[in-house]
N, C-alpha and C. Protein backbone atom coordinates (compact mmCIF):
# COMPACT_ATOMS: atom_id res chain seq x y z
N UNK A 1 14.42 -10.55 50.97
CA UNK A 1 14.32 -10.01 49.75
C UNK A 1 15.96 -10.46 49.05
N UNK A 2 16.32 -11.66 48.27
CA UNK A 2 17.26 -11.98 47.93
C UNK A 2 17.86 -10.78 46.91
N UNK A 3 19.47 -11.17 46.70
CA UNK A 3 20.11 -9.64 45.84
C UNK A 3 19.39 -9.99 44.75
N UNK A 4 19.20 -11.18 43.73
CA UNK A 4 18.78 -11.38 42.70
C UNK A 4 17.33 -10.71 42.56
N UNK A 5 16.57 -10.86 43.30
CA UNK A 5 14.98 -10.43 42.85
C UNK A 5 15.47 -8.75 43.31
N UNK A 6 16.45 -8.46 44.01
CA UNK A 6 16.12 -6.91 43.95
C UNK A 6 16.88 -6.05 42.79
N UNK A 7 17.58 -6.91 42.17
CA UNK A 7 18.36 -6.60 41.07
C UNK A 7 17.02 -6.90 39.91
N UNK A 8 16.50 -7.76 40.11
CA UNK A 8 15.30 -7.82 38.88
C UNK A 8 14.21 -6.65 39.23
N UNK A 9 13.75 -6.17 40.13
CA UNK A 9 12.85 -5.68 40.64
C UNK A 9 13.25 -4.16 40.05
N UNK A 10 14.37 -3.90 40.63
CA UNK A 10 15.26 -2.81 39.96
C UNK A 10 15.37 -2.28 38.25
N UNK A 11 15.61 -3.56 37.56
CA UNK A 11 15.63 -3.12 36.28
C UNK A 11 14.58 -3.23 35.84
N UNK A 12 12.98 -3.75 36.29
CA UNK A 12 12.21 -3.25 35.28
C UNK A 12 11.86 -2.10 35.74
N UNK A 13 11.52 -1.68 37.45
CA UNK A 13 11.28 -0.32 37.23
C UNK A 13 12.35 1.07 36.68
N UNK A 14 13.88 0.53 36.36
CA UNK A 14 14.54 1.32 35.80
C UNK A 14 14.57 1.17 34.09
N UNK A 15 13.74 0.29 33.75
CA UNK A 15 12.85 -0.08 32.29
C UNK A 15 11.90 1.17 31.89
N UNK A 16 11.01 0.76 33.38
CA UNK A 16 9.67 1.74 33.15
C UNK A 16 10.14 3.37 33.10
N UNK A 17 10.65 3.56 33.83
CA UNK A 17 11.09 4.90 33.98
C UNK A 17 11.95 5.44 32.44
N UNK A 18 12.90 4.69 32.54
CA UNK A 18 13.38 4.79 30.46
C UNK A 18 12.51 5.41 30.06
N UNK A 19 11.18 4.68 29.35
CA UNK A 19 10.15 4.19 28.69
C UNK A 19 9.33 5.77 28.87
N UNK A 20 9.46 5.75 30.05
CA UNK A 20 8.54 7.12 30.48
C UNK A 20 9.01 8.33 30.00
N UNK A 21 10.29 8.22 29.85
CA UNK A 21 11.15 9.49 29.82
C UNK A 21 11.23 9.52 28.30
N UNK A 22 11.55 8.55 27.81
CA UNK A 22 11.43 8.50 26.02
C UNK A 22 10.28 8.65 25.31
N UNK A 23 9.29 8.77 26.15
CA UNK A 23 7.60 8.71 25.37
C UNK A 23 7.54 10.43 24.26
N UNK A 24 7.13 9.88 23.35
CA UNK A 24 7.54 10.79 21.98
C UNK A 24 6.42 11.71 22.71
N UNK A 25 6.28 13.06 22.21
CA UNK A 25 5.18 14.03 22.53
C UNK A 25 4.48 14.42 21.51
N UNK A 26 3.22 15.08 21.51
CA UNK A 26 2.47 15.73 19.86
C UNK A 26 3.49 15.94 18.84
N UNK A 27 4.23 16.85 19.12
CA UNK A 27 5.56 17.30 17.82
C UNK A 27 6.01 16.29 17.40
N UNK A 28 6.31 15.48 18.22
CA UNK A 28 6.75 13.93 17.80
C UNK A 28 6.04 13.42 16.67
N UNK A 29 4.71 12.96 17.16
CA UNK A 29 3.64 12.48 16.27
C UNK A 29 3.29 13.19 15.13
N UNK A 30 3.36 14.38 15.12
CA UNK A 30 3.02 15.11 14.16
C UNK A 30 4.43 15.40 13.14
N UNK A 31 5.34 15.37 13.70
CA UNK A 31 6.85 15.32 12.37
C UNK A 31 6.48 14.12 11.82
N UNK A 32 6.32 12.92 12.46
CA UNK A 32 6.35 11.72 11.81
C UNK A 32 5.52 11.30 10.71
N UNK A 33 3.95 11.90 11.17
CA UNK A 33 2.75 11.89 9.89
C UNK A 33 3.30 12.64 9.06
N UNK A 34 3.99 13.75 9.24
CA UNK A 34 4.08 14.51 7.67
C UNK A 34 5.04 13.77 6.86
N UNK A 35 6.39 13.44 7.52
CA UNK A 35 7.22 12.93 7.00
C UNK A 35 6.32 11.51 6.40
N UNK A 36 5.57 10.81 7.00
CA UNK A 36 5.05 9.36 6.34
C UNK A 36 4.52 10.17 4.61
N UNK A 37 3.20 11.24 5.14
CA UNK A 37 2.27 11.70 4.11
C UNK A 37 3.47 12.28 2.94
N UNK A 38 4.59 12.96 3.47
CA UNK A 38 5.23 13.59 2.24
C UNK A 38 5.84 12.30 1.35
N UNK A 39 6.23 11.38 1.67
CA UNK A 39 6.84 10.03 1.36
C UNK A 39 5.78 9.39 0.35
N UNK A 40 4.69 9.45 1.33
CA UNK A 40 3.70 8.89 0.08
C UNK A 40 3.26 9.74 -1.16
N UNK A 41 3.27 10.90 -0.79
CA UNK A 41 3.01 11.62 -2.43
C UNK A 41 4.40 11.85 -2.92
N UNK A 42 5.46 11.63 -2.75
CA UNK A 42 6.53 11.41 -3.69
C UNK A 42 6.68 10.14 -4.44
N UNK A 43 6.24 9.12 -3.56
CA UNK A 43 5.77 8.07 -4.34
C UNK A 43 4.65 7.97 -5.44
N UNK A 44 3.90 8.66 -4.86
CA UNK A 44 2.88 8.71 -6.14
C UNK A 44 3.41 9.38 -7.45
N UNK A 45 3.95 10.58 -6.85
CA UNK A 45 4.23 11.13 -8.25
C UNK A 45 5.40 10.70 -8.80
N UNK A 46 6.49 9.91 -8.28
CA UNK A 46 7.30 8.65 -9.04
C UNK A 46 6.64 7.77 -10.10
N UNK A 47 5.77 7.26 -9.04
CA UNK A 47 4.82 6.51 -9.99
C UNK A 47 3.70 7.19 -11.57
N UNK A 48 3.65 8.19 -11.20
CA UNK A 48 3.09 9.09 -12.32
C UNK A 48 4.54 9.68 -13.04
N UNK A 49 5.16 9.47 -12.93
CA UNK A 49 6.68 9.86 -13.73
C UNK A 49 7.48 11.13 -13.59
N UNK A 50 6.92 11.59 -12.61
CA UNK A 50 7.08 12.95 -11.82
C UNK A 50 8.45 12.69 -11.17
N UNK A 51 9.59 13.30 -11.46
CA UNK A 51 10.70 13.16 -10.38
C UNK A 51 11.49 14.54 -10.17
N UNK A 52 12.36 14.49 -9.02
CA UNK A 52 12.92 15.95 -8.99
C UNK A 52 12.91 16.65 -7.65
N UNK A 53 13.62 17.61 -7.44
CA UNK A 53 13.33 18.37 -6.12
C UNK A 53 12.50 19.35 -6.11
N UNK A 54 12.05 19.67 -6.81
CA UNK A 54 10.82 20.38 -6.90
C UNK A 54 9.60 19.72 -6.89
N UNK A 55 9.60 18.31 -7.15
CA UNK A 55 8.36 17.25 -6.64
C UNK A 55 8.68 17.13 -5.25
N UNK A 56 9.83 16.59 -4.73
CA UNK A 56 9.92 16.39 -3.18
C UNK A 56 9.52 17.71 -2.19
N UNK A 57 10.56 18.81 -2.95
CA UNK A 57 9.68 20.23 -2.54
C UNK A 57 8.05 20.64 -2.26
N UNK A 58 7.68 20.31 -3.38
CA UNK A 58 6.26 20.23 -3.24
C UNK A 58 5.34 19.38 -2.45
N UNK A 59 6.04 18.10 -2.57
CA UNK A 59 5.07 16.76 -1.81
C UNK A 59 5.49 17.28 0.15
N UNK A 60 6.15 17.64 0.56
CA UNK A 60 6.85 18.24 1.97
C UNK A 60 6.04 19.44 2.02
N UNK A 61 5.61 20.30 1.31
CA UNK A 61 4.92 21.39 1.61
C UNK A 61 3.61 20.74 1.59
N UNK A 62 2.91 20.03 0.91
CA UNK A 62 1.34 19.89 0.99
C UNK A 62 1.43 19.11 1.89
N UNK A 63 2.10 17.89 2.51
CA UNK A 63 2.34 17.41 3.63
C UNK A 63 2.00 18.21 4.85
N UNK A 64 2.71 19.25 4.70
CA UNK A 64 3.14 20.10 6.08
C UNK A 64 1.67 21.14 5.86
N UNK A 65 1.14 21.33 5.11
CA UNK A 65 -0.15 22.50 5.07
C UNK A 65 -1.43 21.23 5.26
N UNK A 66 -1.63 20.54 4.69
CA UNK A 66 -2.79 19.62 4.84
C UNK A 66 -2.64 18.37 6.22
N UNK A 67 -1.65 18.11 6.94
CA UNK A 67 -1.70 17.06 7.83
C UNK A 67 -1.63 17.50 9.39
N UNK A 68 -2.13 17.10 10.02
CA UNK A 68 -2.66 17.74 11.26
C UNK A 68 -3.00 16.41 12.26
N UNK A 69 -2.01 16.31 13.48
CA UNK A 69 -2.18 15.46 14.56
C UNK A 69 -3.47 16.18 16.03
N UNK A 70 -4.33 15.35 15.94
CA UNK A 70 -5.16 15.71 17.04
C UNK A 70 -5.25 14.68 17.96
N UNK A 71 -6.07 15.14 19.14
CA UNK A 71 -6.28 14.35 20.44
C UNK A 71 -5.05 13.41 20.51
N UNK A 72 -4.46 13.97 21.16
CA UNK A 72 -2.75 13.28 21.66
C UNK A 72 -3.52 12.96 23.00
N UNK A 73 -3.17 11.84 23.15
CA UNK A 73 -3.36 10.92 24.83
C UNK A 73 -1.97 10.23 25.18
N UNK A 74 -1.35 10.77 26.55
CA UNK A 74 -0.49 9.85 26.94
C UNK A 74 -0.86 8.81 28.22
N UNK A 75 -0.48 7.87 27.73
CA UNK A 75 -0.49 6.31 28.68
C UNK A 75 0.50 6.36 29.36
N UNK A 76 1.27 7.29 30.02
CA UNK A 76 2.49 6.53 30.83
C UNK A 76 3.52 6.36 29.89
N UNK A 77 3.96 4.91 29.71
CA UNK A 77 4.84 4.81 29.00
C UNK A 77 4.93 4.53 27.05
N UNK A 78 3.80 4.94 27.02
CA UNK A 78 3.39 5.52 25.32
C UNK A 78 2.23 6.24 25.10
N UNK A 79 2.47 6.66 24.06
CA UNK A 79 1.15 7.90 23.37
C UNK A 79 0.42 7.40 22.21
N UNK A 80 -0.34 8.11 21.76
CA UNK A 80 -0.98 7.65 20.61
C UNK A 80 -1.54 9.06 20.41
N UNK A 81 -2.05 9.33 19.09
CA UNK A 81 -3.00 10.40 18.56
C UNK A 81 -3.96 10.07 17.41
N UNK A 82 -4.39 10.93 16.59
CA UNK A 82 -5.03 10.93 15.73
C UNK A 82 -4.73 11.40 14.79
N UNK A 83 -4.57 10.84 13.38
CA UNK A 83 -3.86 11.74 12.21
C UNK A 83 -5.09 12.11 11.14
N UNK A 84 -5.42 13.54 11.04
CA UNK A 84 -6.18 14.16 9.92
C UNK A 84 -5.32 14.34 8.79
N UNK A 85 -5.87 14.40 7.83
CA UNK A 85 -5.30 15.06 6.22
C UNK A 85 -6.70 15.70 5.59
N UNK A 86 -6.24 16.98 5.62
CA UNK A 86 -7.18 17.69 4.79
C UNK A 86 -8.70 18.23 5.79
N UNK A 87 -8.56 17.79 7.30
CA UNK A 87 -9.62 17.80 8.19
C UNK A 87 -10.33 16.34 8.13
N UNK A 88 -10.19 15.53 7.61
CA UNK A 88 -10.69 14.17 7.44
C UNK A 88 -9.57 12.92 8.36
N UNK A 89 -10.15 12.48 9.28
CA UNK A 89 -9.28 11.56 9.73
C UNK A 89 -8.64 10.65 8.90
N UNK A 90 -7.57 9.94 8.82
CA UNK A 90 -7.14 9.53 7.78
C UNK A 90 -6.03 8.24 8.65
N UNK A 91 -6.09 8.23 9.86
CA UNK A 91 -5.37 7.22 10.70
C UNK A 91 -5.11 7.68 12.10
N UNK A 92 -3.91 6.40 12.57
CA UNK A 92 -3.52 7.18 14.08
C UNK A 92 -2.09 6.64 14.20
N UNK A 93 -1.54 7.66 15.30
CA UNK A 93 -0.40 6.85 15.57
C UNK A 93 -0.07 6.61 16.74
N UNK A 94 1.00 5.96 17.19
CA UNK A 94 1.20 5.03 18.36
C UNK A 94 2.82 5.59 18.82
N UNK A 95 3.16 5.91 19.97
CA UNK A 95 4.31 6.30 20.39
C UNK A 95 5.14 5.37 21.45
N UNK A 96 6.44 5.22 21.42
CA UNK A 96 7.09 4.60 22.54
C UNK A 96 8.31 4.49 22.28
N UNK A 97 9.08 4.63 23.10
CA UNK A 97 10.72 4.85 23.10
C UNK A 97 11.25 5.84 22.46
N UNK A 98 10.99 6.90 22.02
CA UNK A 98 11.24 8.02 21.05
C UNK A 98 11.04 7.38 19.70
N UNK A 99 9.92 6.65 19.40
CA UNK A 99 9.71 6.27 18.15
C UNK A 99 8.24 6.11 17.73
N UNK A 100 7.38 6.77 16.46
CA UNK A 100 6.13 6.90 16.44
C UNK A 100 5.79 5.82 15.25
N UNK A 101 4.93 5.23 15.24
CA UNK A 101 4.42 4.61 14.35
C UNK A 101 3.13 5.01 13.87
N UNK A 102 2.58 5.39 12.23
CA UNK A 102 1.68 6.10 11.68
C UNK A 102 0.68 5.12 11.35
N UNK A 103 -0.28 4.57 11.25
CA UNK A 103 -1.10 3.42 10.87
C UNK A 103 -2.27 4.16 9.94
N UNK A 104 -2.27 4.13 8.99
CA UNK A 104 -2.73 4.79 8.10
C UNK A 104 -4.04 3.82 7.56
N UNK A 105 -5.52 4.86 7.41
CA UNK A 105 -6.51 3.83 6.86
C UNK A 105 -6.18 3.77 5.28
N UNK A 106 -6.67 2.63 4.96
CA UNK A 106 -6.79 2.48 3.21
C UNK A 106 -7.90 3.23 2.88
N UNK A 107 -7.19 4.23 1.71
CA UNK A 107 -8.05 5.02 0.81
C UNK A 107 -9.16 3.83 0.16
N UNK A 108 -10.23 4.65 -0.15
CA UNK A 108 -11.26 4.10 -0.86
C UNK A 108 -10.61 3.25 -2.43
N UNK A 109 -10.05 4.11 -3.06
CA UNK A 109 -9.36 3.91 -4.49
C UNK A 109 -8.32 2.51 -4.32
N UNK A 110 -7.82 2.31 -3.16
CA UNK A 110 -6.83 1.23 -2.99
C UNK A 110 -7.59 -0.11 -2.62
N UNK A 111 -8.72 -0.06 -1.71
CA UNK A 111 -9.17 -0.84 -1.10
C UNK A 111 -10.17 -1.57 -2.55
N UNK A 112 -10.82 -0.83 -3.82
CA UNK A 112 -11.85 -1.44 -4.54
C UNK A 112 -10.54 -1.82 -5.50
N UNK A 113 -9.37 -1.59 -5.75
CA UNK A 113 -8.44 -2.64 -6.71
C UNK A 113 -8.21 -3.62 -5.95
N UNK A 114 -8.36 -3.51 -5.10
CA UNK A 114 -7.91 -5.25 -4.45
C UNK A 114 -8.65 -6.46 -4.49
């Protein structure tokens, strides 16, 4: 095996090892879901004409009380989980390389307007 093939193989293995080490755990999924939920609540409050630090604090508290992440699954280099709001499944989260993305399901009121 030539030197370039060895370097390529080593690079691939090192990349996979790095992705495995940086895979987010269930705590990261939960933190990202709560942050997304709080931001959504703040945006809804701003649309209703409410702004200020009290609204921000209330949004964070409400998100922390109602949003839960369950069914965390690890698949080597990435992870998934289900996001529940008030006990109802409202989306999924996907994590890879220390980053978590939350894929929210649309609300019935949002889909009815479209």
